Amino acid sequence: MKRCLIIINPSSGKHIIQNKLDRIIGQLTLQNIVEHFEIFYTEKKDDAYYKTRDCDENQYDFIMSVGGDGTLNEVISGMVDSHKKIPLCILAAGTVNDFANYLNIPNSVNGIVEMIKNFNVISSDVGKINNQYFINVAAAGMFSDISFVVSKEEKKKFGPLAYYFKGMTQLPQQLSTNLHLNVTVDNESFEEDAYIFAITNTNRVGGFDGIIPFADINDGKLDLVIVKRCSVTDLIALIKDYRFGKHDKSPFIHYVQGQHIHITCDQDLTMDIDGEEGTHLPIDVHTLQKSIQLLLLIASLLSSLSIPDSLDDTVFWSF
């Protein structure tokens, strides 16, 4: 029988998620899967990070993160900083839950119980940006600050739609975004005028699936996508291309993969790191290969396997 440390953000879902967690704990106990639970409730920012970093991993067989992408980021950051290798189980309870949805992690009581019972583990890369970490995305530019300016009250009332409503109210000023980027990916350098850029570990960003064509959590690479400056008409055409899965062929996208990314900009920008306000540019980013272990269901595992590697170590798509 296993021992589990549960780290829960009580502001995520509150009564609904607590009820689900109680049922999960009950089933794991009744089925003799887990014999001991330690439950830690966060009260403020970084509580999840310090609890994960400072806990004795010899006391547990796995850690469960209960919350959104921000809570997950803190837990993973604590695991990386303390070099913990015990598996992480994710119970998604945030507004968007990009990373959990990318992995098709179950959200039902039976699904979570089955996942822990089977205990299938995969390795995942983590991105390091300056002195911070990200498991899903680091972005800056147009609309990238929406995730940390939307209030908790708005997210509670509207769910994921809160981000879209906020974005629409800022549309005129967001369309005026003009970033001049100087980029180096591994040993290749280029410049670009852009609306937004994102460095990702998965293909799911801001609730949108399939944005990054070749992103993979265990390929040892990070994916940089830049939306170039263009007219509003061209931007609308790009959005249409995304809806039909053709945006990777757009002349307004610059896509590159690599292990080390350095970006400077002519503006002082704050990075969105896994949905939270993060470091400022310039940024130095690299991948920490297979640095954490994740629990997945077999079905989820099969769906998240690497796309056949048709790319070299560093690949540039500039149309």
C-alpha atoms as a PDB file:
ATOM      1  CA  MET A   1       0.000   0.000   0.000  1.00  0.00           C
ATOM      2  CA  LYS A   2       1.120   3.516  -0.827  1.00  0.00           C
ATOM      3  CA  ARG A   3       1.579   6.785   1.032  1.00  0.00           C
ATOM      4  CA  CYS A   4       0.475  10.092  -0.459  1.00  0.00           C
ATOM      5  CA  LEU A   5       1.105  13.774   0.147  1.00  0.00           C
ATOM      6  CA  ILE A   6      -1.822  15.850  -1.133  1.00  0.00           C
ATOM      7  CA  ILE A   7      -1.156  19.543  -1.772  1.00  0.00           C
ATOM      8  CA  ILE A   8      -4.400  21.383  -2.390  1.00  0.00           C
ATOM      9  CA  ASN A   9      -5.222  24.956  -3.309  1.00  0.00           C
ATOM     10  CA  PRO A  10      -8.531  25.457  -1.451  1.00  0.00           C
ATOM     11  CA  SER A  11      -9.527  28.378  -3.682  1.00  0.00           C
ATOM     12  CA  SER A  12      -9.725  26.037  -6.701  1.00  0.00           C
ATOM     13  CA  GLY A  13     -13.247  24.694  -6.967  1.00  0.00           C
ATOM     14  CA  LYS A  14     -13.751  24.725  -3.176  1.00  0.00           C
ATOM     15  CA  HIS A  15     -16.722  22.539  -2.223  1.00  0.00           C
ATOM     16  CA  ILE A  16     -16.901  20.660  -5.518  1.00  0.00           C
ATOM     17  CA  ILE A  17     -13.230  19.673  -5.555  1.00  0.00           C
ATOM     18  CA  GLN A  18     -13.216  18.903  -1.817  1.00  0.00           C
ATOM     19  CA  ASN A  19     -16.156  16.539  -2.302  1.00  0.00           C
ATOM     20  CA  LYS A  20     -14.379  14.839  -5.191  1.00  0.00           C
ATOM     21  CA  LEU A  21     -11.155  14.557  -3.213  1.00  0.00           C
ATOM     22  CA  ASP A  22     -13.007  13.010  -0.250  1.00  0.00           C
ATOM     23  CA  ARG A  23     -14.482  10.373  -2.571  1.00  0.00           C
ATOM     24  CA  ILE A  24     -11.088   9.659  -4.125  1.00  0.00           C
ATOM     25  CA  ILE A  25      -9.503   9.222  -0.688  1.00  0.00           C
ATOM     26  CA  GLY A  26     -12.391   6.968   0.348  1.00  0.00           C
ATOM     27  CA  GLN A  27     -12.010   4.712  -2.698  1.00  0.00           C
ATOM     28  CA  LEU A  28      -8.217   4.534  -2.403  1.00  0.00           C
ATOM     29  CA  THR A  29      -8.615   3.516   1.239  1.00  0.00           C
ATOM     30  CA  LEU A  30     -11.397   0.974   0.665  1.00  0.00           C
ATOM     31  CA  GLN A  31      -9.486  -0.663  -2.191  1.00  0.00           C
ATOM     32  CA  ASN A  32      -6.302  -0.875  -0.089  1.00  0.00           C
ATOM     33  CA  ILE A  33      -4.346   1.200  -2.604  1.00  0.00           C
ATOM     34  CA  VAL A  34      -3.201   3.978  -0.272  1.00  0.00           C
ATOM     35  CA  GLU A  35      -2.731   3.514   3.473  1.00  0.00           C
ATOM     36  CA  HIS A  36      -1.655   7.002   4.515  1.00  0.00           C
ATOM     37  CA  PHE A  37      -2.613  10.505   3.398  1.00  0.00           C
ATOM     38  CA  GLU A  38      -1.077  13.782   4.472  1.00  0.00           C
ATOM     39  CA  ILE A  39      -3.181  16.738   3.314  1.00  0.00           C
ATOM     40  CA  PHE A  40      -1.634  20.193   3.066  1.00  0.00           C
ATOM     41  CA  TYR A  41      -3.812  23.234   2.280  1.00  0.00           C
ATOM     42  CA  THR A  42      -2.086  26.255   0.787  1.00  0.00           C
ATOM     43  CA  GLU A  43      -2.881  29.676   2.217  1.00  0.00           C
ATOM     44  CA  LYS A  44      -0.780  31.989   0.074  1.00  0.00           C
ATOM     45  CA  LYS A  45       1.482  32.129  -2.950  1.00  0.00           C
ATOM     46  CA  ASP A  46       4.504  29.794  -2.839  1.00  0.00           C
ATOM     47  CA  ASP A  47       3.101  27.611  -0.047  1.00  0.00           C
ATOM     48  CA  ALA A  48       2.877  24.668  -2.463  1.00  0.00           C
ATOM     49  CA  TYR A  49       6.444  25.292  -3.622  1.00  0.00           C
ATOM     50  CA  TYR A  50       7.963  25.298  -0.129  1.00  0.00           C
ATOM     51  CA  LYS A  51       5.937  22.309   1.068  1.00  0.00           C
ATOM     52  CA  THR A  52       7.048  20.266  -1.945  1.00  0.00           C
ATOM     53  CA  ARG A  53      10.659  21.400  -1.779  1.00  0.00           C
ATOM     54  CA  ASP A  54      11.071  20.796   1.942  1.00  0.00           C
ATOM     55  CA  CYS A  55       9.134  17.543   2.419  1.00  0.00           C
ATOM     56  CA  ASP A  56      10.972  14.222   2.875  1.00  0.00           C
ATOM     57  CA  GLU A  57      10.229  12.187  -0.233  1.00  0.00           C
ATOM     58  CA  ASN A  58      11.107   8.977   1.636  1.00  0.00           C
ATOM     59  CA  GLN A  59       7.868   9.460   3.585  1.00  0.00           C
ATOM     60  CA  TYR A  60       5.686   9.236   0.451  1.00  0.00           C
ATOM     61  CA  ASP A  61       5.232   7.127  -2.663  1.00  0.00           C
ATOM     62  CA  PHE A  62       3.696   9.981  -4.660  1.00  0.00           C
ATOM     63  CA  ILE A  63       2.524  13.583  -4.429  1.00  0.00           C
ATOM     64  CA  MET A  64      -0.907  14.765  -5.599  1.00  0.00           C
ATOM     65  CA  SER A  65      -1.340  18.353  -6.808  1.00  0.00           C
ATOM     66  CA  VAL A  66      -4.931  19.606  -6.480  1.00  0.00           C
ATOM     67  CA  GLY A  67      -5.450  22.972  -8.153  1.00  0.00           C
ATOM     68  CA  GLY A  68      -4.871  24.784 -11.416  1.00  0.00           C
ATOM     69  CA  ASP A  69      -1.817  25.394 -13.570  1.00  0.00           C
ATOM     70  CA  GLY A  70      -0.383  27.852 -11.053  1.00  0.00           C
ATOM     71  CA  THR A  71      -0.522  25.360  -8.172  1.00  0.00           C
ATOM     72  CA  LEU A  72       0.934  22.683 -10.434  1.00  0.00           C
ATOM     73  CA  ASN A  73       3.785  25.027 -11.367  1.00  0.00           C
ATOM     74  CA  GLU A  74       4.650  25.572  -7.696  1.00  0.00           C
ATOM     75  CA  VAL A  75       4.636  21.845  -6.947  1.00  0.00           C
ATOM     76  CA  ILE A  76       6.788  21.023  -9.960  1.00  0.00           C
ATOM     77  CA  SER A  77       9.184  23.874  -9.164  1.00  0.00           C
ATOM     78  CA  GLY A  78       9.592  22.487  -5.651  1.00  0.00           C
ATOM     79  CA  MET A  79      10.229  18.999  -7.014  1.00  0.00           C
ATOM     80  CA  VAL A  80      12.854  20.214  -9.491  1.00  0.00           C
ATOM     81  CA  ASP A  81      14.674  22.404  -6.962  1.00  0.00           C
ATOM     82  CA  SER A  82      14.879  19.516  -4.471  1.00  0.00           C
ATOM     83  CA  HIS A  83      15.615  16.863  -7.136  1.00  0.00           C
ATOM     84  CA  LYS A  84      12.618  14.745  -6.107  1.00  0.00           C
ATOM     85  CA  LYS A  85      11.930  11.712  -8.283  1.00  0.00           C
ATOM     86  CA  ILE A  86       8.728  10.370  -6.743  1.00  0.00           C
ATOM     87  CA  PRO A  87       5.765  10.492  -9.158  1.00  0.00           C
ATOM     88  CA  LEU A  88       3.326  13.384  -9.325  1.00  0.00           C
ATOM     89  CA  CYS A  89      -0.429  12.812  -9.655  1.00  0.00           C
ATOM     90  CA  ILE A  90      -2.497  15.714 -10.996  1.00  0.00           C
ATOM     91  CA  LEU A  91      -6.089  16.404  -9.973  1.00  0.00           C
ATOM     92  CA  ALA A  92      -7.012  19.396 -12.126  1.00  0.00           C
ATOM     93  CA  ALA A  93      -9.129  21.957 -10.301  1.00  0.00           C
ATOM     94  CA  GLY A  94      -8.294  25.253 -11.984  1.00  0.00           C
ATOM     95  CA  THR A  95      -9.988  27.358 -14.633  1.00  0.00           C
ATOM     96  CA  VAL A  96      -8.110  26.180 -17.738  1.00  0.00           C
ATOM     97  CA  ASN A  97      -5.882  23.229 -16.686  1.00  0.00           C
ATOM     98  CA  ASP A  98      -3.846  23.227 -19.898  1.00  0.00           C
ATOM     99  CA  PHE A  99      -1.211  20.713 -18.815  1.00  0.00           C
ATOM    100  CA  ALA A 100      -3.660  18.165 -17.410  1.00  0.00           C
ATOM    101  CA  ASN A 101      -5.870  18.451 -20.497  1.00  0.00           C
ATOM    102  CA  TYR A 102      -2.869  18.022 -22.800  1.00  0.00           C
ATOM    103  CA  LEU A 103      -2.101  14.731 -21.035  1.00  0.00           C
ATOM    104  CA  ASN A 104      -5.779  13.670 -21.037  1.00  0.00           C
ATOM    105  CA  ILE A 105      -5.527  13.105 -17.311  1.00  0.00           C
ATOM    106  CA  PRO A 106      -8.878  11.853 -15.992  1.00  0.00           C
ATOM    107  CA  ASN A 107     -10.971  14.181 -13.887  1.00  0.00           C
ATOM    108  CA  SER A 108     -13.464  11.639 -12.579  1.00  0.00           C
ATOM    109  CA  VAL A 109     -13.189   9.866  -9.230  1.00  0.00           C
ATOM    110  CA  ASN A 110     -12.954   6.433 -10.862  1.00  0.00           C
ATOM    111  CA  GLY A 111     -10.394   7.658 -13.392  1.00  0.00           C
ATOM    112  CA  ILE A 112      -8.077   9.121 -10.751  1.00  0.00           C
ATOM    113  CA  VAL A 113      -8.394   6.009  -8.576  1.00  0.00           C
ATOM    114  CA  GLU A 114      -7.612   3.758 -11.543  1.00  0.00           C
ATOM    115  CA  MET A 115      -4.602   5.898 -12.452  1.00  0.00           C
ATOM    116  CA  ILE A 116      -3.154   5.613  -8.957  1.00  0.00           C
ATOM    117  CA  LYS A 117      -3.953   1.906  -8.785  1.00  0.00           C
ATOM    118  CA  ASN A 118      -2.136   1.170 -12.058  1.00  0.00           C
ATOM    119  CA  PHE A 119       0.732   3.543 -11.191  1.00  0.00           C
ATOM    120  CA  ASN A 120       2.008   4.006 -14.744  1.00  0.00           C
ATOM    121  CA  VAL A 121       4.803   6.588 -14.748  1.00  0.00           C
ATOM    122  CA  ILE A 122       6.314   8.695 -17.543  1.00  0.00           C
ATOM    123  CA  SER A 123       9.098  11.248 -17.500  1.00  0.00           C
ATOM    124  CA  SER A 124       8.526  14.873 -18.476  1.00  0.00           C
ATOM    125  CA  ASP A 125      10.806  17.737 -19.430  1.00  0.00           C
ATOM    126  CA  VAL A 126      10.549  21.040 -17.566  1.00  0.00           C
ATOM    127  CA  GLY A 127      11.478  24.456 -18.913  1.00  0.00           C
ATOM    128  CA  LYS A 128      13.704  26.809 -16.919  1.00  0.00           C
ATOM    129  CA  ILE A 129      13.342  30.530 -17.673  1.00  0.00           C
ATOM    130  CA  ASN A 130      15.817  32.782 -15.864  1.00  0.00           C
ATOM    131  CA  ASN A 131      15.401  31.573 -12.265  1.00  0.00           C
ATOM    132  CA  GLN A 132      11.890  30.142 -12.664  1.00  0.00           C
ATOM    133  CA  TYR A 133      10.393  26.952 -14.092  1.00  0.00           C
ATOM    134  CA  PHE A 134       7.443  26.191 -16.346  1.00  0.00           C
ATOM    135  CA  ILE A 135       5.752  22.926 -17.187  1.00  0.00           C
ATOM    136  CA  ASN A 136       3.451  24.199 -19.932  1.00  0.00           C
ATOM    137  CA  VAL A 137       4.147  27.688 -21.325  1.00  0.00           C
ATOM    138  CA  ALA A 138       6.025  30.949 -20.946  1.00  0.00           C
ATOM    139  CA  ALA A 139       4.628  33.757 -23.110  1.00  0.00           C
ATOM    140  CA  ALA A 140       4.694  37.522 -23.606  1.00  0.00           C
ATOM    141  CA  GLY A 141       2.979  40.044 -25.857  1.00  0.00           C
ATOM    142  CA  MET A 142      -0.595  40.404 -27.051  1.00  0.00           C
ATOM    143  CA  PHE A 143      -3.139  38.962 -24.574  1.00  0.00           C
ATOM    144  CA  SER A 144      -0.395  37.164 -22.622  1.00  0.00           C
ATOM    145  CA  ASP A 145      -1.129  39.121 -19.440  1.00  0.00           C
ATOM    146  CA  ILE A 146      -4.843  38.286 -19.460  1.00  0.00           C
ATOM    147  CA  SER A 147      -4.410  35.233 -17.229  1.00  0.00           C
ATOM    148  CA  PHE A 148      -3.043  37.228 -14.309  1.00  0.00           C
ATOM    149  CA  VAL A 149      -5.245  40.317 -14.597  1.00  0.00           C
ATOM    150  CA  VAL A 150      -8.525  38.383 -14.499  1.00  0.00           C
ATOM    151  CA  SER A 151      -9.767  38.393 -10.893  1.00  0.00           C
ATOM    152  CA  LYS A 152     -10.677  35.299  -8.883  1.00  0.00           C
ATOM    153  CA  GLU A 153     -14.257  36.563  -8.758  1.00  0.00           C
ATOM    154  CA  GLU A 154     -14.420  36.769 -12.566  1.00  0.00           C
ATOM    155  CA  LYS A 155     -12.967  33.273 -12.957  1.00  0.00           C
ATOM    156  CA  LYS A 156     -15.430  31.914 -10.413  1.00  0.00           C
ATOM    157  CA  LYS A 157     -18.376  33.567 -12.170  1.00  0.00           C
ATOM    158  CA  PHE A 158     -17.516  32.932 -15.824  1.00  0.00           C
ATOM    159  CA  GLY A 159     -14.963  30.086 -15.780  1.00  0.00           C
ATOM    160  CA  PRO A 160     -12.669  30.013 -18.857  1.00  0.00           C
ATOM    161  CA  LEU A 161     -14.894  32.592 -20.585  1.00  0.00           C
ATOM    162  CA  ALA A 162     -13.589  35.207 -18.147  1.00  0.00           C
ATOM    163  CA  TYR A 163     -10.334  35.328 -20.114  1.00  0.00           C
ATOM    164  CA  TYR A 164     -12.130  35.879 -23.420  1.00  0.00           C
ATOM    165  CA  PHE A 165     -14.374  38.598 -21.980  1.00  0.00           C
ATOM    166  CA  LYS A 166     -11.364  40.428 -20.569  1.00  0.00           C
ATOM    167  CA  GLY A 167      -9.518  40.052 -23.864  1.00  0.00           C
ATOM    168  CA  MET A 168     -12.386  41.563 -25.836  1.00  0.00           C
ATOM    169  CA  THR A 169     -12.468  44.641 -23.600  1.00  0.00           C
ATOM    170  CA  GLN A 170      -8.757  45.194 -24.310  1.00  0.00           C
ATOM    171  CA  LEU A 171      -8.843  44.358 -28.019  1.00  0.00           C
ATOM    172  CA  PRO A 172      -8.019  47.822 -29.467  1.00  0.00           C
ATOM    173  CA  GLN A 173      -4.947  48.315 -27.299  1.00  0.00           C
ATOM    174  CA  GLN A 174      -3.842  44.688 -27.727  1.00  0.00           C
ATOM    175  CA  LEU A 175      -3.879  45.061 -31.514  1.00  0.00           C
ATOM    176  CA  SER A 176      -1.358  47.886 -31.207  1.00  0.00           C
ATOM    177  CA  THR A 177       1.235  45.493 -29.729  1.00  0.00           C
ATOM    178  CA  ASN A 178       4.518  45.657 -31.634  1.00  0.00           C
ATOM    179  CA  LEU A 179       7.505  43.762 -30.238  1.00  0.00           C
ATOM    180  CA  HIS A 180      10.931  43.771 -31.835  1.00  0.00           C
ATOM    181  CA  LEU A 181      12.540  40.495 -30.808  1.00  0.00           C
ATOM    182  CA  ASN A 182      16.156  39.386 -31.031  1.00  0.00           C
ATOM    183  CA  VAL A 183      16.157  35.614 -30.750  1.00  0.00           C
ATOM    184  CA  THR A 184      18.836  32.949 -30.502  1.00  0.00           C
ATOM    185  CA  VAL A 185      17.814  29.289 -30.532  1.00  0.00           C
ATOM    186  CA  ASP A 186      20.770  27.004 -29.947  1.00  0.00           C
ATOM    187  CA  ASN A 187      23.279  28.404 -32.465  1.00  0.00           C
ATOM    188  CA  GLU A 188      20.851  30.181 -34.818  1.00  0.00           C
ATOM    189  CA  SER A 189      19.876  33.861 -34.463  1.00  0.00           C
ATOM    190  CA  PHE A 190      17.159  35.984 -36.065  1.00  0.00           C
ATOM    191  CA  GLU A 191      15.019  39.080 -35.523  1.00  0.00           C
ATOM    192  CA  GLU A 192      11.244  39.372 -35.741  1.00  0.00           C
ATOM    193  CA  ASP A 193       8.547  42.008 -35.292  1.00  0.00           C
ATOM    194  CA  ALA A 194       5.766  40.281 -33.424  1.00  0.00           C
ATOM    195  CA  TYR A 195       2.427  40.462 -31.672  1.00  0.00           C
ATOM    196  CA  ILE A 196       3.193  37.650 -29.255  1.00  0.00           C
ATOM    197  CA  PHE A 197       5.575  34.780 -28.651  1.00  0.00           C
ATOM    198  CA  ALA A 198       5.243  31.631 -26.577  1.00  0.00           C
ATOM    199  CA  ILE A 199       7.754  29.018 -25.481  1.00  0.00           C
ATOM    200  CA  THR A 200       5.941  25.772 -24.797  1.00  0.00           C
ATOM    201  CA  ASN A 201       6.391  22.254 -23.512  1.00  0.00           C
ATOM    202  CA  THR A 202       2.992  21.079 -24.807  1.00  0.00           C
ATOM    203  CA  ASN A 203       0.677  21.824 -27.729  1.00  0.00           C
ATOM    204  CA  ARG A 204      -2.050  23.357 -25.560  1.00  0.00           C
ATOM    205  CA  VAL A 205      -1.969  27.043 -24.589  1.00  0.00           C
ATOM    206  CA  GLY A 206      -4.674  29.212 -23.027  1.00  0.00           C
ATOM    207  CA  GLY A 207      -7.310  26.528 -23.489  1.00  0.00           C
ATOM    208  CA  PHE A 208      -6.535  26.178 -27.216  1.00  0.00           C
ATOM    209  CA  ASP A 209      -5.465  22.730 -28.377  1.00  0.00           C
ATOM    210  CA  GLY A 210      -3.016  21.919 -31.170  1.00  0.00           C
ATOM    211  CA  ILE A 211      -1.409  25.363 -31.377  1.00  0.00           C
ATOM    212  CA  ILE A 212       2.164  24.007 -31.327  1.00  0.00           C
ATOM    213  CA  PRO A 213       2.413  21.237 -33.938  1.00  0.00           C
ATOM    214  CA  PHE A 214       5.345  19.174 -32.641  1.00  0.00           C
ATOM    215  CA  ALA A 215       5.400  20.003 -28.916  1.00  0.00           C
ATOM    216  CA  ASP A 216       6.176  16.994 -26.737  1.00  0.00           C
ATOM    217  CA  ILE A 217       6.908  16.811 -23.009  1.00  0.00           C
ATOM    218  CA  ASN A 218       9.696  14.241 -23.321  1.00  0.00           C
ATOM    219  CA  ASP A 219      11.508  15.106 -26.552  1.00  0.00           C
ATOM    220  CA  GLY A 220      14.218  17.128 -24.794  1.00  0.00           C
ATOM    221  CA  LYS A 221      13.254  20.295 -26.670  1.00  0.00           C
ATOM    222  CA  LEU A 222      11.175  23.418 -26.177  1.00  0.00           C
ATOM    223  CA  ASP A 223       8.979  24.947 -28.868  1.00  0.00           C
ATOM    224  CA  LEU A 224       8.984  28.653 -29.709  1.00  0.00           C
ATOM    225  CA  VAL A 225       6.109  30.052 -31.742  1.00  0.00           C
ATOM    226  CA  ILE A 226       6.018  33.711 -32.801  1.00  0.00           C
ATOM    227  CA  VAL A 227       2.979  35.440 -34.278  1.00  0.00           C
ATOM    228  CA  LYS A 228       4.454  38.076 -36.582  1.00  0.00           C
ATOM    229  CA  ARG A 229       3.157  41.606 -36.926  1.00  0.00           C
ATOM    230  CA  CYS A 230       0.574  41.764 -39.697  1.00  0.00           C
ATOM    231  CA  SER A 231      -2.643  43.514 -40.651  1.00  0.00           C
ATOM    232  CA  VAL A 232      -5.896  42.841 -38.828  1.00  0.00           C
ATOM    233  CA  THR A 233      -7.170  41.114 -41.970  1.00  0.00           C
ATOM    234  CA  ASP A 234      -4.156  38.803 -41.991  1.00  0.00           C
ATOM    235  CA  LEU A 235      -4.587  38.131 -38.279  1.00  0.00           C
ATOM    236  CA  ILE A 236      -8.192  37.087 -38.851  1.00  0.00           C
ATOM    237  CA  ALA A 237      -7.018  34.809 -41.664  1.00  0.00           C
ATOM    238  CA  LEU A 238      -4.487  33.259 -39.258  1.00  0.00           C
ATOM    239  CA  ILE A 239      -7.224  32.552 -36.723  1.00  0.00           C
ATOM    240  CA  LYS A 240      -9.280  30.941 -39.455  1.00  0.00           C
ATOM    241  CA  ASP A 241      -6.287  28.808 -40.444  1.00  0.00           C
ATOM    242  CA  TYR A 242      -5.982  27.648 -36.835  1.00  0.00           C
ATOM    243  CA  ARG A 243      -9.617  26.547 -36.799  1.00  0.00           C
ATOM    244  CA  PHE A 244      -8.908  24.330 -39.803  1.00  0.00           C
ATOM    245  CA  GLY A 245      -5.544  23.098 -38.545  1.00  0.00           C
ATOM    246  CA  LYS A 246      -3.519  24.954 -41.200  1.00  0.00           C
ATOM    247  CA  HIS A 247      -1.912  27.688 -39.102  1.00  0.00           C
ATOM    248  CA  ASP A 248       1.502  25.989 -39.188  1.00  0.00           C
ATOM    249  CA  LYS A 249       1.659  26.893 -42.892  1.00  0.00           C
ATOM    250  CA  SER A 250       0.801  30.547 -42.327  1.00  0.00           C
ATOM    251  CA  PRO A 251       3.351  33.162 -43.469  1.00  0.00           C
ATOM    252  CA  PHE A 252       2.667  34.992 -40.196  1.00  0.00           C
ATOM    253  CA  ILE A 253       4.005  32.208 -37.964  1.00  0.00           C
ATOM    254  CA  HIS A 254       7.648  31.605 -37.103  1.00  0.00           C
ATOM    255  CA  TYR A 255       8.130  28.254 -35.388  1.00  0.00           C
ATOM    256  CA  VAL A 256      11.361  26.812 -34.011  1.00  0.00           C
ATOM    257  CA  GLN A 257      12.433  24.004 -31.705  1.00  0.00           C
ATOM    258  CA  GLY A 258      15.567  23.855 -29.609  1.00  0.00           C
ATOM    259  CA  GLN A 259      17.128  23.177 -26.231  1.00  0.00           C
ATOM    260  CA  HIS A 260      18.318  26.700 -25.429  1.00  0.00           C
ATOM    261  CA  ILE A 261      16.451  29.931 -26.246  1.00  0.00           C
ATOM    262  CA  HIS A 262      17.572  33.490 -25.562  1.00  0.00           C
ATOM    263  CA  ILE A 263      15.268  36.462 -26.284  1.00  0.00           C
ATOM    264  CA  THR A 264      15.694  40.196 -25.875  1.00  0.00           C
ATOM    265  CA  CYS A 265      13.079  42.814 -26.723  1.00  0.00           C
ATOM    266  CA  ASP A 266      12.853  46.562 -27.212  1.00  0.00           C
ATOM    267  CA  GLN A 267      10.200  46.680 -24.470  1.00  0.00           C
ATOM    268  CA  ASP A 268      10.120  45.745 -20.782  1.00  0.00           C
ATOM    269  CA  LEU A 269       7.760  42.778 -20.810  1.00  0.00           C
ATOM    270  CA  THR A 270       6.487  40.574 -17.999  1.00  0.00           C
ATOM    271  CA  MET A 271       6.338  36.876 -18.843  1.00  0.00           C
ATOM    272  CA  ASP A 272       3.213  34.808 -18.306  1.00  0.00           C
ATOM    273  CA  ILE A 273       4.558  31.596 -16.766  1.00  0.00           C
ATOM    274  CA  ASP A 274       1.968  28.811 -16.559  1.00  0.00           C
ATOM    275  CA  GLY A 275      -0.754  31.424 -16.163  1.00  0.00           C
ATOM    276  CA  GLU A 276       0.982  33.446 -13.451  1.00  0.00           C
ATOM    277  CA  GLU A 277       2.973  36.681 -13.519  1.00  0.00           C
ATOM    278  CA  GLY A 278       6.649  35.819 -13.878  1.00  0.00           C
ATOM    279  CA  THR A 279      10.090  37.102 -14.760  1.00  0.00           C
ATOM    280  CA  HIS A 280      10.875  39.982 -17.145  1.00  0.00           C
ATOM    281  CA  LEU A 281      12.746  40.079 -20.422  1.00  0.00           C
ATOM    282  CA  PRO A 282      15.476  39.503 -21.425  1.00  0.00           C
ATOM    283  CA  ILE A 283      15.072  35.763 -20.902  1.00  0.00           C
ATOM    284  CA  ASP A 284      17.383  32.788 -21.030  1.00  0.00           C
ATOM    285  CA  VAL A 285      15.481  29.535 -21.381  1.00  0.00           C
ATOM    286  CA  HIS A 286      16.585  25.923 -21.500  1.00  0.00           C
ATOM    287  CA  THR A 287      15.028  22.508 -21.104  1.00  0.00           C
ATOM    288  CA  LEU A 288      15.605  20.233 -18.125  1.00  0.00           C
ATOM    289  CA  GLN A 289      15.203  16.856 -19.743  1.00  0.00           C
ATOM    290  CA  LYS A 290      13.046  14.211 -18.052  1.00  0.00           C
ATOM    291  CA  SER A 291      13.329  15.989 -14.709  1.00  0.00           C
ATOM    292  CA  ILE A 292       9.974  14.947 -13.186  1.00  0.00           C
ATOM    293  CA  GLN A 293       7.845  11.801 -13.096  1.00  0.00           C
ATOM    294  CA  LEU A 294       4.096  11.850 -13.807  1.00  0.00           C
ATOM    295  CA  LEU A 295       1.280   9.368 -13.216  1.00  0.00           C
ATOM    296  CA  LEU A 296      -0.906   8.655 -16.268  1.00  0.00           C
ATOM    297  CA  LEU A 297      -3.592   6.199 -17.286  1.00  0.00           C
ATOM    298  CA  ILE A 298      -2.613   3.801 -20.091  1.00  0.00           C
ATOM    299  CA  ALA A 299      -5.107   5.461 -22.455  1.00  0.00           C
ATOM    300  CA  SER A 300      -3.665   8.866 -21.590  1.00  0.00           C
ATOM    301  CA  LEU A 301      -0.150   7.514 -21.954  1.00  0.00           C
ATOM    302  CA  LEU A 302      -0.798   6.267 -25.479  1.00  0.00           C
ATOM    303  CA  SER A 303      -2.374   9.540 -26.573  1.00  0.00           C
ATOM    304  CA  SER A 304       0.529  11.608 -25.232  1.00  0.00           C
ATOM    305  CA  LEU A 305       3.352   9.610 -26.810  1.00  0.00           C
ATOM    306  CA  SER A 306       5.840  11.532 -28.939  1.00  0.00           C
ATOM    307  CA  ILE A 307       5.002  12.424 -32.511  1.00  0.00           C
ATOM    308  CA  PRO A 308       7.521  10.644 -34.761  1.00  0.00           C
ATOM    309  CA  ASP A 309      10.588  12.833 -34.765  1.00  0.00           C
ATOM    310  CA  SER A 310      10.568  14.310 -38.255  1.00  0.00           C
ATOM    311  CA  LEU A 311      12.558  17.321 -37.081  1.00  0.00           C
ATOM    312  CA  ASP A 312      16.250  17.817 -36.418  1.00  0.00           C
ATOM    313  CA  ASP A 313      17.463  18.952 -32.982  1.00  0.00           C
ATOM    314  CA  THR A 314      16.807  22.522 -34.031  1.00  0.00           C
ATOM    315  CA  VAL A 315      14.207  23.202 -36.690  1.00  0.00           C
ATOM    316  CA  PHE A 316      13.171  26.549 -38.108  1.00  0.00           C
ATOM    317  CA  TRP A 317       9.898  27.149 -39.893  1.00  0.00           C
ATOM    318  CA  SER A 318       9.858  30.693 -41.225  1.00  0.00           C
ATOM    319  CA  PHE A 319       7.364  31.379 -43.959  1.00  0.00           C
END
